Full PDB file with SEQRES, HELIX, SHEET, SSBOND, CRYST1, ORIGX, SCALE, CONECT and MASTER records, all heavy atoms in Angstrom:
SEQRES   1 A   41  ILE PHE PHE LEU THR PHE LEU ARG GLY GLY LEU GLU GLU          
SEQRES   2 A   41  PRO GLY TRP ARG GLY ILE ALA LEU PRO LEU LEU GLN LYS          
SEQRES   3 A   41  ARG PHE ASN ALA THR ILE ALA SER VAL VAL LEU GLY VAL          
SEQRES   4 A   41  ILE TRP                                                      
HELIX    1 AA1 PHE A    2  ARG A    8  1                                   7    
HELIX    2 AA2 GLY A   10  GLU A   12  5                                   3    
HELIX    3 AA3 GLU A   13  GLY A   15  1                                   3    
HELIX    4 AA4 TRP A   16  ALA A   20  3                                   5    
HELIX    5 AA5 LEU A   21  ARG A   27  1                                   7    
HELIX    6 AA6 ALA A   30  ILE A   40  1                                  11    
CRYST1    1.000    1.000    1.000  90.00  90.00  90.00 P 1           1          
ORIGX1      1.000000  0.000000  0.000000        0.00000                         
ORIGX2      0.000000  1.000000  0.000000        0.00000                         
ORIGX3      0.000000  0.000000  1.000000        0.00000                         
SCALE1      1.000000  0.000000  0.000000        0.00000                         
SCALE2      0.000000  1.000000  0.000000        0.00000                         
SCALE3      0.000000  0.000000  1.000000        0.00000                         
ATOM      1  N   ILE A   1      -9.645 -14.623  14.191  1.00  0.00           N  
ATOM      2  CA  ILE A   1      -9.382 -13.215  13.929  1.00  0.00           C  
ATOM      3  C   ILE A   1      -8.170 -13.054  13.016  1.00  0.00           C  
ATOM      4  O   ILE A   1      -8.198 -12.272  12.058  1.00  0.00           O  
ATOM      5  CB  ILE A   1      -9.168 -12.444  15.246  1.00  0.00           C  
ATOM      6  CG1 ILE A   1     -10.505 -12.335  15.996  1.00  0.00           C  
ATOM      7  CG2 ILE A   1      -8.564 -11.078  15.011  1.00  0.00           C  
ATOM      8  CD1 ILE A   1     -10.376 -11.805  17.422  1.00  0.00           C  
ATOM      9  N   PHE A   2      -7.109 -13.818  13.290  1.00  0.00           N  
ATOM     10  CA  PHE A   2      -5.919 -13.717  12.447  1.00  0.00           C  
ATOM     11  C   PHE A   2      -6.262 -14.140  11.002  1.00  0.00           C  
ATOM     12  O   PHE A   2      -5.784 -13.497  10.029  1.00  0.00           O  
ATOM     13  CB  PHE A   2      -4.778 -14.576  12.998  1.00  0.00           C  
ATOM     14  CG  PHE A   2      -3.871 -13.856  13.891  1.00  0.00           C  
ATOM     15  CD1 PHE A   2      -4.129 -13.768  15.245  1.00  0.00           C  
ATOM     16  CD2 PHE A   2      -2.731 -13.230  13.387  1.00  0.00           C  
ATOM     17  CE1 PHE A   2      -3.254 -13.050  16.108  1.00  0.00           C  
ATOM     18  CE2 PHE A   2      -1.859 -12.534  14.232  1.00  0.00           C  
ATOM     19  CZ  PHE A   2      -2.127 -12.440  15.602  1.00  0.00           C  
ATOM     20  N   PHE A   3      -7.019 -15.182  10.848  1.00  0.00           N  
ATOM     21  CA  PHE A   3      -7.386 -15.614   9.491  1.00  0.00           C  
ATOM     22  C   PHE A   3      -8.219 -14.583   8.764  1.00  0.00           C  
ATOM     23  O   PHE A   3      -7.951 -14.250   7.592  1.00  0.00           O  
ATOM     24  CB  PHE A   3      -8.145 -16.952   9.553  1.00  0.00           C  
ATOM     25  CG  PHE A   3      -8.653 -17.437   8.231  1.00  0.00           C  
ATOM     26  CD1 PHE A   3      -7.758 -17.924   7.261  1.00  0.00           C  
ATOM     27  CD2 PHE A   3      -9.996 -17.414   7.926  1.00  0.00           C  
ATOM     28  CE1 PHE A   3      -8.219 -18.374   6.037  1.00  0.00           C  
ATOM     29  CE2 PHE A   3     -10.460 -17.856   6.689  1.00  0.00           C  
ATOM     30  CZ  PHE A   3      -9.562 -18.343   5.752  1.00  0.00           C  
ATOM     31  N   LEU A   4      -9.219 -14.054   9.447  1.00  0.00           N  
ATOM     32  CA  LEU A   4     -10.088 -13.032   8.825  1.00  0.00           C  
ATOM     33  C   LEU A   4      -9.349 -11.755   8.523  1.00  0.00           C  
ATOM     34  O   LEU A   4      -9.584 -11.124   7.491  1.00  0.00           O  
ATOM     35  CB  LEU A   4     -11.290 -12.768   9.728  1.00  0.00           C  
ATOM     36  CG  LEU A   4     -12.298 -13.908   9.870  1.00  0.00           C  
ATOM     37  CD1 LEU A   4     -13.395 -13.550  10.820  1.00  0.00           C  
ATOM     38  CD2 LEU A   4     -12.877 -14.296   8.485  1.00  0.00           C  
ATOM     39  N   THR A   5      -8.424 -11.359   9.388  1.00  0.00           N  
ATOM     40  CA  THR A   5      -7.694 -10.132   9.131  1.00  0.00           C  
ATOM     41  C   THR A   5      -6.708 -10.309   7.970  1.00  0.00           C  
ATOM     42  O   THR A   5      -6.388  -9.367   7.285  1.00  0.00           O  
ATOM     43  CB  THR A   5      -6.935  -9.641  10.374  1.00  0.00           C  
ATOM     44  OG1 THR A   5      -6.119 -10.685  10.899  1.00  0.00           O  
ATOM     45  CG2 THR A   5      -7.914  -9.199  11.446  1.00  0.00           C  
ATOM     46  N   PHE A   6      -6.235 -11.540   7.761  1.00  0.00           N  
ATOM     47  CA  PHE A   6      -5.406 -11.798   6.586  1.00  0.00           C  
ATOM     48  C   PHE A   6      -6.275 -11.592   5.313  1.00  0.00           C  
ATOM     49  O   PHE A   6      -5.815 -10.944   4.384  1.00  0.00           O  
ATOM     50  CB  PHE A   6      -4.870 -13.227   6.621  1.00  0.00           C  
ATOM     51  CG  PHE A   6      -4.172 -13.639   5.351  1.00  0.00           C  
ATOM     52  CD1 PHE A   6      -2.945 -13.064   5.011  1.00  0.00           C  
ATOM     53  CD2 PHE A   6      -4.753 -14.565   4.502  1.00  0.00           C  
ATOM     54  CE1 PHE A   6      -2.312 -13.453   3.821  1.00  0.00           C  
ATOM     55  CE2 PHE A   6      -4.107 -14.933   3.321  1.00  0.00           C  
ATOM     56  CZ  PHE A   6      -2.899 -14.364   2.991  1.00  0.00           C  
ATOM     57  N   LEU A   7      -7.470 -12.119   5.322  1.00  0.00           N  
ATOM     58  CA  LEU A   7      -8.340 -11.962   4.140  1.00  0.00           C  
ATOM     59  C   LEU A   7      -8.776 -10.520   3.934  1.00  0.00           C  
ATOM     60  O   LEU A   7      -8.800 -10.036   2.805  1.00  0.00           O  
ATOM     61  CB  LEU A   7      -9.595 -12.840   4.317  1.00  0.00           C  
ATOM     62  CG  LEU A   7      -9.429 -14.363   4.329  1.00  0.00           C  
ATOM     63  CD1 LEU A   7     -10.751 -15.057   4.514  1.00  0.00           C  
ATOM     64  CD2 LEU A   7      -8.737 -14.825   3.035  1.00  0.00           C  
ATOM     65  N   ARG A   8      -9.071  -9.824   5.035  1.00  0.00           N  
ATOM     66  CA  ARG A   8      -9.633  -8.476   4.932  1.00  0.00           C  
ATOM     67  C   ARG A   8      -8.567  -7.399   4.867  1.00  0.00           C  
ATOM     68  O   ARG A   8      -8.865  -6.268   4.477  1.00  0.00           O  
ATOM     69  CB  ARG A   8     -10.541  -8.197   6.145  1.00  0.00           C  
ATOM     70  CG  ARG A   8     -11.753  -9.122   6.231  1.00  0.00           C  
ATOM     71  CD  ARG A   8     -12.477  -8.820   7.523  1.00  0.00           C  
ATOM     72  NE  ARG A   8     -13.603  -9.740   7.737  1.00  0.00           N  
ATOM     73  CZ  ARG A   8     -14.369  -9.756   8.844  1.00  0.00           C  
ATOM     74  NH1 ARG A   8     -14.090  -8.911   9.832  1.00  0.00           N  
ATOM     75  NH2 ARG A   8     -15.378 -10.609   8.942  1.00  0.00           N  
ATOM     76  N   GLY A   9      -7.346  -7.697   5.292  1.00  0.00           N  
ATOM     77  CA  GLY A   9      -6.312  -6.699   5.322  1.00  0.00           C  
ATOM     78  C   GLY A   9      -5.013  -7.102   4.670  1.00  0.00           C  
ATOM     79  O   GLY A   9      -4.519  -6.411   3.779  1.00  0.00           O  
ATOM     80  N   GLY A  10      -4.494  -8.264   5.075  1.00  0.00           N  
ATOM     81  CA  GLY A  10      -3.217  -8.697   4.548  1.00  0.00           C  
ATOM     82  C   GLY A  10      -3.181  -8.834   3.047  1.00  0.00           C  
ATOM     83  O   GLY A  10      -2.187  -8.511   2.387  1.00  0.00           O  
ATOM     84  N   LEU A  11      -4.293  -9.286   2.472  1.00  0.00           N  
ATOM     85  CA  LEU A  11      -4.338  -9.499   1.022  1.00  0.00           C  
ATOM     86  C   LEU A  11      -4.494  -8.208   0.238  1.00  0.00           C  
ATOM     87  O   LEU A  11      -4.504  -8.237  -0.985  1.00  0.00           O  
ATOM     88  CB  LEU A  11      -5.491 -10.461   0.677  1.00  0.00           C  
ATOM     89  CG  LEU A  11      -5.234 -11.929   1.024  1.00  0.00           C  
ATOM     90  CD1 LEU A  11      -6.425 -12.775   0.612  1.00  0.00           C  
ATOM     91  CD2 LEU A  11      -3.960 -12.455   0.346  1.00  0.00           C  
ATOM     92  N   GLU A  12      -4.634  -7.091   0.946  1.00  0.00           N  
ATOM     93  CA  GLU A  12      -4.591  -5.793   0.233  1.00  0.00           C  
ATOM     94  C   GLU A  12      -3.148  -5.442  -0.202  1.00  0.00           C  
ATOM     95  O   GLU A  12      -2.968  -4.649  -1.140  1.00  0.00           O  
ATOM     96  CB  GLU A  12      -5.122  -4.676   1.117  1.00  0.00           C  
ATOM     97  CG  GLU A  12      -6.582  -4.785   1.490  1.00  0.00           C  
ATOM     98  CD  GLU A  12      -7.021  -3.657   2.423  1.00  0.00           C  
ATOM     99  OE1 GLU A  12      -6.179  -2.769   2.716  1.00  0.00           O  
ATOM    100  OE2 GLU A  12      -8.172  -3.667   2.880  1.00  0.00           O  
ATOM    101  N   GLU A  13      -2.168  -5.994   0.498  1.00  0.00           N  
ATOM    102  CA  GLU A  13      -0.782  -5.558   0.280  1.00  0.00           C  
ATOM    103  C   GLU A  13      -0.217  -5.798  -1.101  1.00  0.00           C  
ATOM    104  O   GLU A  13       0.567  -4.998  -1.573  1.00  0.00           O  
ATOM    105  CB  GLU A  13       0.119  -6.197   1.360  1.00  0.00           C  
ATOM    106  CG  GLU A  13      -0.118  -5.626   2.729  1.00  0.00           C  
ATOM    107  CD  GLU A  13       0.038  -4.120   2.785  1.00  0.00           C  
ATOM    108  OE1 GLU A  13       0.991  -3.590   2.176  1.00  0.00           O  
ATOM    109  OE2 GLU A  13      -0.815  -3.444   3.407  1.00  0.00           O  
ATOM    110  N   PRO A  14      -0.577  -6.850  -1.819  1.00  0.00           N  
ATOM    111  CA  PRO A  14      -0.091  -6.967  -3.212  1.00  0.00           C  
ATOM    112  C   PRO A  14      -0.507  -5.803  -4.080  1.00  0.00           C  
ATOM    113  O   PRO A  14       0.180  -5.513  -5.091  1.00  0.00           O  
ATOM    114  CB  PRO A  14      -0.774  -8.277  -3.702  1.00  0.00           C  
ATOM    115  CG  PRO A  14      -0.925  -9.093  -2.449  1.00  0.00           C  
ATOM    116  CD  PRO A  14      -1.279  -8.093  -1.395  1.00  0.00           C  
ATOM    117  N   GLY A  15      -1.572  -5.087  -3.698  1.00  0.00           N  
ATOM    118  CA  GLY A  15      -1.952  -3.890  -4.398  1.00  0.00           C  
ATOM    119  C   GLY A  15      -1.281  -2.664  -3.857  1.00  0.00           C  
ATOM    120  O   GLY A  15      -0.648  -1.909  -4.600  1.00  0.00           O  
ATOM    121  N   TRP A  16      -1.360  -2.442  -2.539  1.00  0.00           N  
ATOM    122  CA  TRP A  16      -0.798  -1.220  -1.963  1.00  0.00           C  
ATOM    123  C   TRP A  16       0.716  -1.186  -2.047  1.00  0.00           C  
ATOM    124  O   TRP A  16       1.297  -0.240  -2.570  1.00  0.00           O  
ATOM    125  CB  TRP A  16      -1.228  -1.084  -0.505  1.00  0.00           C  
ATOM    126  CG  TRP A  16      -2.687  -1.042  -0.215  1.00  0.00           C  
ATOM    127  CD1 TRP A  16      -3.326  -1.540   0.906  1.00  0.00           C  
ATOM    128  CD2 TRP A  16      -3.722  -0.430  -0.981  1.00  0.00           C  
ATOM    129  NE1 TRP A  16      -4.662  -1.305   0.841  1.00  0.00           N  
ATOM    130  CE2 TRP A  16      -4.933  -0.632  -0.284  1.00  0.00           C  
ATOM    131  CE3 TRP A  16      -3.734   0.248  -2.235  1.00  0.00           C  
ATOM    132  CZ2 TRP A  16      -6.173  -0.158  -0.790  1.00  0.00           C  
ATOM    133  CZ3 TRP A  16      -4.973   0.686  -2.704  1.00  0.00           C  
ATOM    134  CH2 TRP A  16      -6.152   0.483  -2.007  1.00  0.00           C  
ATOM    135  N   ARG A  17       1.396  -2.181  -1.525  1.00  0.00           N  
ATOM    136  CA  ARG A  17       2.844  -2.188  -1.571  1.00  0.00           C  
ATOM    137  C   ARG A  17       3.401  -2.867  -2.829  1.00  0.00           C  
ATOM    138  O   ARG A  17       4.488  -2.550  -3.292  1.00  0.00           O  
ATOM    139  CB  ARG A  17       3.388  -2.907  -0.324  1.00  0.00           C  
ATOM    140  CG  ARG A  17       3.997  -2.041   0.748  1.00  0.00           C  
ATOM    141  CD  ARG A  17       3.210  -0.876   1.222  1.00  0.00           C  
ATOM    142  NE  ARG A  17       1.936  -1.241   1.850  1.00  0.00           N  
ATOM    143  CZ  ARG A  17       1.135  -0.392   2.451  1.00  0.00           C  
ATOM    144  NH1 ARG A  17       1.431   0.911   2.495  1.00  0.00           N  
ATOM    145  NH2 ARG A  17      -0.015  -0.778   2.995  1.00  0.00           N  
ATOM    146  N   GLY A  18       2.611  -3.782  -3.405  1.00  0.00           N  
ATOM    147  CA  GLY A  18       3.116  -4.504  -4.546  1.00  0.00           C  
ATOM    148  C   GLY A  18       3.087  -3.708  -5.867  1.00  0.00           C  
ATOM    149  O   GLY A  18       3.946  -3.935  -6.745  1.00  0.00           O  
ATOM    150  N   ILE A  19       2.129  -2.799  -6.001  1.00  0.00           N  
ATOM    151  CA  ILE A  19       1.987  -2.017  -7.243  1.00  0.00           C  
ATOM    152  C   ILE A  19       2.012  -0.535  -6.960  1.00  0.00           C  
ATOM    153  O   ILE A  19       2.816   0.221  -7.514  1.00  0.00           O  
ATOM    154  CB  ILE A  19       0.683  -2.373  -7.980  1.00  0.00           C  
ATOM    155  CG1 ILE A  19       0.758  -3.769  -8.565  1.00  0.00           C  
ATOM    156  CG2 ILE A  19       0.387  -1.356  -9.102  1.00  0.00           C  
ATOM    157  CD1 ILE A  19       1.667  -3.926  -9.750  1.00  0.00           C  
ATOM    158  N   ALA A  20       1.138  -0.073  -6.067  1.00  0.00           N  
ATOM    159  CA  ALA A  20       0.968   1.378  -5.878  1.00  0.00           C  
ATOM    160  C   ALA A  20       2.234   2.049  -5.336  1.00  0.00           C  
ATOM    161  O   ALA A  20       2.666   3.095  -5.869  1.00  0.00           O  
ATOM    162  CB  ALA A  20      -0.211   1.649  -4.920  1.00  0.00           C  
ATOM    163  N   LEU A  21       2.837   1.476  -4.301  1.00  0.00           N  
ATOM    164  CA  LEU A  21       4.016   2.125  -3.722  1.00  0.00           C  
ATOM    165  C   LEU A  21       5.187   2.205  -4.686  1.00  0.00           C  
ATOM    166  O   LEU A  21       5.816   3.278  -4.827  1.00  0.00           O  
ATOM    167  CB  LEU A  21       4.425   1.407  -2.417  1.00  0.00           C  
ATOM    168  CG  LEU A  21       5.630   1.999  -1.711  1.00  0.00           C  
ATOM    169  CD1 LEU A  21       5.394   3.447  -1.294  1.00  0.00           C  
ATOM    170  CD2 LEU A  21       6.001   1.160  -0.467  1.00  0.00           C  
ATOM    171  N   PRO A  22       5.549   1.100  -5.383  1.00  0.00           N  
ATOM    172  CA  PRO A  22       6.634   1.222  -6.376  1.00  0.00           C  
ATOM    173  C   PRO A  22       6.384   2.274  -7.433  1.00  0.00           C  
ATOM    174  O   PRO A  22       7.268   3.023  -7.818  1.00  0.00           O  
ATOM    175  CB  PRO A  22       6.710  -0.178  -6.980  1.00  0.00           C  
ATOM    176  CG  PRO A  22       6.125  -1.063  -5.940  1.00  0.00           C  
ATOM    177  CD  PRO A  22       5.043  -0.276  -5.274  1.00  0.00           C  
ATOM    178  N   LEU A  23       5.127   2.359  -7.931  1.00  0.00           N  
ATOM    179  CA  LEU A  23       4.815   3.343  -8.947  1.00  0.00           C  
ATOM    180  C   LEU A  23       4.948   4.778  -8.386  1.00  0.00           C  
ATOM    181  O   LEU A  23       5.488   5.662  -9.042  1.00  0.00           O  
ATOM    182  CB  LEU A  23       3.417   3.129  -9.516  1.00  0.00           C  
ATOM    183  CG  LEU A  23       3.212   1.866 -10.349  1.00  0.00           C  
ATOM    184  CD1 LEU A  23       1.753   1.729 -10.775  1.00  0.00           C  
ATOM    185  CD2 LEU A  23       4.110   1.926 -11.621  1.00  0.00           C  
ATOM    186  N   LEU A  24       4.458   4.965  -7.174  1.00  0.00           N  
ATOM    187  CA  LEU A  24       4.533   6.318  -6.574  1.00  0.00           C  
ATOM    188  C   LEU A  24       5.984   6.708  -6.302  1.00  0.00           C  
ATOM    189  O   LEU A  24       6.356   7.868  -6.453  1.00  0.00           O  
ATOM    190  CB  LEU A  24       3.717   6.335  -5.287  1.00  0.00           C  
ATOM    191  CG  LEU A  24       2.185   6.310  -5.456  1.00  0.00           C  
ATOM    192  CD1 LEU A  24       1.497   6.042  -4.121  1.00  0.00           C  
ATOM    193  CD2 LEU A  24       1.741   7.648  -6.030  1.00  0.00           C  
ATOM    194  N   GLN A  25       6.825   5.719  -5.928  1.00  0.00           N  
ATOM    195  CA  GLN A  25       8.220   6.046  -5.623  1.00  0.00           C  
ATOM    196  C   GLN A  25       9.039   6.301  -6.889  1.00  0.00           C  
ATOM    197  O   GLN A  25      10.165   6.772  -6.792  1.00  0.00           O  
ATOM    198  CB  GLN A  25       8.842   4.924  -4.798  1.00  0.00           C  
ATOM    199  CG  GLN A  25       8.336   4.887  -3.361  1.00  0.00           C  
ATOM    200  CD  GLN A  25       9.103   3.973  -2.467  1.00  0.00           C  
ATOM    201  OE1 GLN A  25       9.756   4.436  -1.504  1.00  0.00           O  
ATOM    202  NE2 GLN A  25       9.061   2.692  -2.712  1.00  0.00           N  
ATOM    203  N   LYS A  26       8.474   6.013  -8.051  1.00  0.00           N  
ATOM    204  CA  LYS A  26       9.125   6.401  -9.284  1.00  0.00           C  
ATOM    205  C   LYS A  26       9.015   7.894  -9.498  1.00  0.00           C  
ATOM    206  O   LYS A  26       9.816   8.513 -10.209  1.00  0.00           O  
ATOM    207  CB  LYS A  26       8.538   5.658 -10.484  1.00  0.00           C  
ATOM    208  CG  LYS A  26       8.915   4.199 -10.573  1.00  0.00           C  
ATOM    209  CD  LYS A  26       8.318   3.576 -11.810  1.00  0.00           C  
ATOM    210  CE  LYS A  26       8.785   2.115 -11.983  1.00  0.00           C  
ATOM    211  NZ  LYS A  26       8.205   1.484 -13.214  1.00  0.00           N  
ATOM    212  N   ARG A  27       7.976   8.522  -8.928  1.00  0.00           N  
ATOM    213  CA  ARG A  27       7.711   9.941  -9.152  1.00  0.00           C  
ATOM    214  C   ARG A  27       8.042  10.798  -7.935  1.00  0.00           C  
ATOM    215  O   ARG A  27       8.371  11.988  -8.082  1.00  0.00           O  
ATOM    216  CB  ARG A  27       6.230  10.134  -9.487  1.00  0.00           C  
ATOM    217  CG  ARG A  27       5.773   9.458 -10.765  1.00  0.00           C  
ATOM    218  CD  ARG A  27       4.377   9.916 -11.146  1.00  0.00           C  
ATOM    219  NE  ARG A  27       4.342  11.366 -11.363  1.00  0.00           N  
ATOM    220  CZ  ARG A  27       3.247  12.045 -11.661  1.00  0.00           C  
ATOM    221  NH1 ARG A  27       2.064  11.414 -11.733  1.00  0.00           N  
ATOM    222  NH2 ARG A  27       3.273  13.338 -11.847  1.00  0.00           N  
ATOM    223  N   PHE A  28       7.944  10.234  -6.745  1.00  0.00           N  
ATOM    224  CA  PHE A  28       8.099  11.020  -5.509  1.00  0.00           C  
ATOM    225  C   PHE A  28       9.116  10.324  -4.584  1.00  0.00           C  
ATOM    226  O   PHE A  28       9.422   9.152  -4.768  1.00  0.00           O  
ATOM    227  CB  PHE A  28       6.772  11.149  -4.759  1.00  0.00           C  
ATOM    228  CG  PHE A  28       5.622  11.650  -5.601  1.00  0.00           C  
ATOM    229  CD1 PHE A  28       4.612  10.779  -5.945  1.00  0.00           C  
ATOM    230  CD2 PHE A  28       5.575  12.952  -6.027  1.00  0.00           C  
ATOM    231  CE1 PHE A  28       3.539  11.218  -6.690  1.00  0.00           C  
ATOM    232  CE2 PHE A  28       4.508  13.415  -6.785  1.00  0.00           C  
ATOM    233  CZ  PHE A  28       3.507  12.549  -7.110  1.00  0.00           C  
ATOM    234  N   ASN A  29       9.597  11.101  -3.609  1.00  0.00           N  
ATOM    235  CA  ASN A  29      10.420  10.438  -2.601  1.00  0.00           C  
ATOM    236  C   ASN A  29       9.544   9.561  -1.724  1.00  0.00           C  
ATOM    237  O   ASN A  29       8.314   9.606  -1.799  1.00  0.00           O  
ATOM    238  CB  ASN A  29      11.215  11.463  -1.769  1.00  0.00           C  
ATOM    239  CG  ASN A  29      10.372  12.308  -0.860  1.00  0.00           C  
ATOM    240  OD1 ASN A  29       9.417  11.852  -0.208  1.00  0.00           O  
ATOM    241  ND2 ASN A  29      10.698  13.598  -0.750  1.00  0.00           N  
ATOM    242  N   ALA A  30      10.182   8.753  -0.905  1.00  0.00           N  
ATOM    243  CA  ALA A  30       9.438   7.726  -0.182  1.00  0.00           C  
ATOM    244  C   ALA A  30       8.399   8.293   0.772  1.00  0.00           C  
ATOM    245  O   ALA A  30       7.320   7.699   0.945  1.00  0.00           O  
ATOM    246  CB  ALA A  30      10.408   6.807   0.591  1.00  0.00           C  
ATOM    247  N   THR A  31       8.709   9.427   1.373  1.00  0.00           N  
ATOM    248  CA  THR A  31       7.775  10.037   2.315  1.00  0.00           C  
ATOM    249  C   THR A  31       6.540  10.576   1.631  1.00  0.00           C  
ATOM    250  O   THR A  31       5.409  10.318   2.063  1.00  0.00           O  
ATOM    251  CB  THR A  31       8.479  11.147   3.132  1.00  0.00           C  
ATOM    252  OG1 THR A  31       9.548  10.595   3.881  1.00  0.00           O  
ATOM    253  CG2 THR A  31       7.519  11.826   4.073  1.00  0.00           C  
ATOM    254  N   ILE A  32       6.726  11.305   0.582  1.00  0.00           N  
ATOM    255  CA  ILE A  32       5.586  11.833  -0.188  1.00  0.00           C  
ATOM    256  C   ILE A  32       4.781  10.706  -0.788  1.00  0.00           C  
ATOM    257  O   ILE A  32       3.530  10.717  -0.735  1.00  0.00           O  
ATOM    258  CB  ILE A  32       6.049  12.825  -1.284  1.00  0.00           C  
ATOM    259  CG1 ILE A  32       6.679  14.059  -0.626  1.00  0.00           C  
ATOM    260  CG2 ILE A  32       4.868  13.241  -2.180  1.00  0.00           C  
ATOM    261  CD1 ILE A  32       7.255  15.052  -1.627  1.00  0.00           C  
ATOM    262  N   ALA A  33       5.455   9.715  -1.339  1.00  0.00           N  
ATOM    263  CA  ALA A  33       4.766   8.535  -1.870  1.00  0.00           C  
ATOM    264  C   ALA A  33       3.887   7.862  -0.806  1.00  0.00           C  
ATOM    265  O   ALA A  33       2.761   7.432  -1.086  1.00  0.00           O  
ATOM    266  CB  ALA A  33       5.741   7.540  -2.463  1.00  0.00           C  
ATOM    267  N   SER A  34       4.402   7.816   0.404  1.00  0.00           N  
ATOM    268  CA  SER A  34       3.645   7.192   1.494  1.00  0.00           C  
ATOM    269  C   SER A  34       2.421   8.015   1.855  1.00  0.00           C  
ATOM    270  O   SER A  34       1.344   7.458   2.151  1.00  0.00           O  
ATOM    271  CB  SER A  34       4.558   7.053   2.725  1.00  0.00           C  
ATOM    272  OG  SER A  34       5.660   6.186   2.468  1.00  0.00           O  
ATOM    273  N   VAL A  35       2.551   9.331   1.844  1.00  0.00           N  
ATOM    274  CA  VAL A  35       1.407  10.193   2.143  1.00  0.00           C  
ATOM    275  C   VAL A  35       0.306   9.980   1.087  1.00  0.00           C  
ATOM    276  O   VAL A  35      -0.865   9.833   1.410  1.00  0.00           O  
ATOM    277  CB  VAL A  35       1.827  11.688   2.176  1.00  0.00           C  
ATOM    278  CG1 VAL A  35       0.586  12.573   2.281  1.00  0.00           C  
ATOM    279  CG2 VAL A  35       2.737  11.929   3.361  1.00  0.00           C  
ATOM    280  N   VAL A  36       0.686   9.989  -0.172  1.00  0.00           N  
ATOM    281  CA  VAL A  36      -0.260   9.796  -1.255  1.00  0.00           C  
ATOM    282  C   VAL A  36      -0.934   8.423  -1.115  1.00  0.00           C  
ATOM    283  O   VAL A  36      -2.170   8.279  -1.232  1.00  0.00           O  
ATOM    284  CB  VAL A  36       0.403   9.932  -2.653  1.00  0.00           C  
ATOM    285  CG1 VAL A  36      -0.583   9.569  -3.749  1.00  0.00           C  
ATOM    286  CG2 VAL A  36       0.946  11.322  -2.848  1.00  0.00           C  
ATOM    287  N   LEU A  37      -0.127   7.407  -0.853  1.00  0.00           N  
ATOM    288  CA  LEU A  37      -0.683   6.034  -0.713  1.00  0.00           C  
ATOM    289  C   LEU A  37      -1.623   5.968   0.498  1.00  0.00           C  
ATOM    290  O   LEU A  37      -2.641   5.295   0.466  1.00  0.00           O  
ATOM    291  CB  LEU A  37       0.433   5.017  -0.592  1.00  0.00           C  
ATOM    292  CG  LEU A  37       0.012   3.550  -0.450  1.00  0.00           C  
ATOM    293  CD1 LEU A  37      -0.963   3.138  -1.569  1.00  0.00           C  
ATOM    294  CD2 LEU A  37       1.212   2.639  -0.424  1.00  0.00           C  
ATOM    295  N   GLY A  38      -1.256   6.663   1.588  1.00  0.00           N  
ATOM    296  CA  GLY A  38      -2.101   6.668   2.777  1.00  0.00           C  
ATOM    297  C   GLY A  38      -3.492   7.257   2.474  1.00  0.00           C  
ATOM    298  O   GLY A  38      -4.490   6.750   2.975  1.00  0.00           O  
ATOM    299  N   VAL A  39      -3.515   8.307   1.657  1.00  0.00           N  
ATOM    300  CA  VAL A  39      -4.791   8.927   1.285  1.00  0.00           C  
ATOM    301  C   VAL A  39      -5.598   7.953   0.424  1.00  0.00           C  
ATOM    302  O   VAL A  39      -6.822   7.773   0.594  1.00  0.00           O  
ATOM    303  CB  VAL A  39      -4.558  10.229   0.520  1.00  0.00           C  
ATOM    304  CG1 VAL A  39      -5.872  10.774  -0.065  1.00  0.00           C  
ATOM    305  CG2 VAL A  39      -3.916  11.293   1.426  1.00  0.00           C  
ATOM    306  N   ILE A  40      -4.929   7.267  -0.512  1.00  0.00           N  
ATOM    307  CA  ILE A  40      -5.622   6.263  -1.375  1.00  0.00           C  
ATOM    308  C   ILE A  40      -6.169   5.142  -0.487  1.00  0.00           C  
ATOM    309  O   ILE A  40      -7.302   4.696  -0.663  1.00  0.00           O  
ATOM    310  CB  ILE A  40      -4.649   5.727  -2.421  1.00  0.00           C  
ATOM    311  CG1 ILE A  40      -4.222   6.827  -3.392  1.00  0.00           C  
ATOM    312  CG2 ILE A  40      -5.291   4.570  -3.185  1.00  0.00           C  
ATOM    313  CD1 ILE A  40      -3.107   6.427  -4.342  1.00  0.00           C  
ATOM    314  N   TRP A  41      -5.339   4.638   0.393  1.00  0.00           N  
ATOM    315  CA  TRP A  41      -5.719   3.541   1.281  1.00  0.00           C  
ATOM    316  C   TRP A  41      -6.939   3.910   2.127  1.00  0.00           C  
ATOM    317  O   TRP A  41      -7.904   3.150   2.246  1.00  0.00           O  
ATOM    318  CB  TRP A  41      -4.520   3.199   2.179  1.00  0.00           C  
ATOM    319  CG  TRP A  41      -4.628   2.022   3.043  1.00  0.00           C  
ATOM    320  CD1 TRP A  41      -5.670   1.150   3.164  1.00  0.00           C  
ATOM    321  CD2 TRP A  41      -3.615   1.544   3.948  1.00  0.00           C  
ATOM    322  NE1 TRP A  41      -5.359   0.182   4.084  1.00  0.00           N  
ATOM    323  CE2 TRP A  41      -4.111   0.419   4.586  1.00  0.00           C  
ATOM    324  CE3 TRP A  41      -2.334   2.013   4.288  1.00  0.00           C  
ATOM    325  CZ2 TRP A  41      -3.401  -0.291   5.543  1.00  0.00           C  
ATOM    326  CZ3 TRP A  41      -1.622   1.316   5.243  1.00  0.00           C  
ATOM    327  CH2 TRP A  41      -2.137   0.143   5.847  1.00  0.00           C  
TER     328      TRP A  41                                                      
MASTER        0    0    0    6    0    0    0    6  327    1    0    4          
END                                                                             
């Protein structure tokens, strides 16, 4: 389960936190950026 959840979930993070969150935080505060990212996710 841990291995599969890494493949199915953990490896999403280079996209969500690695690219999307930094870009959103350039335009919005951290809370609003998180809401927008949550909707995208």
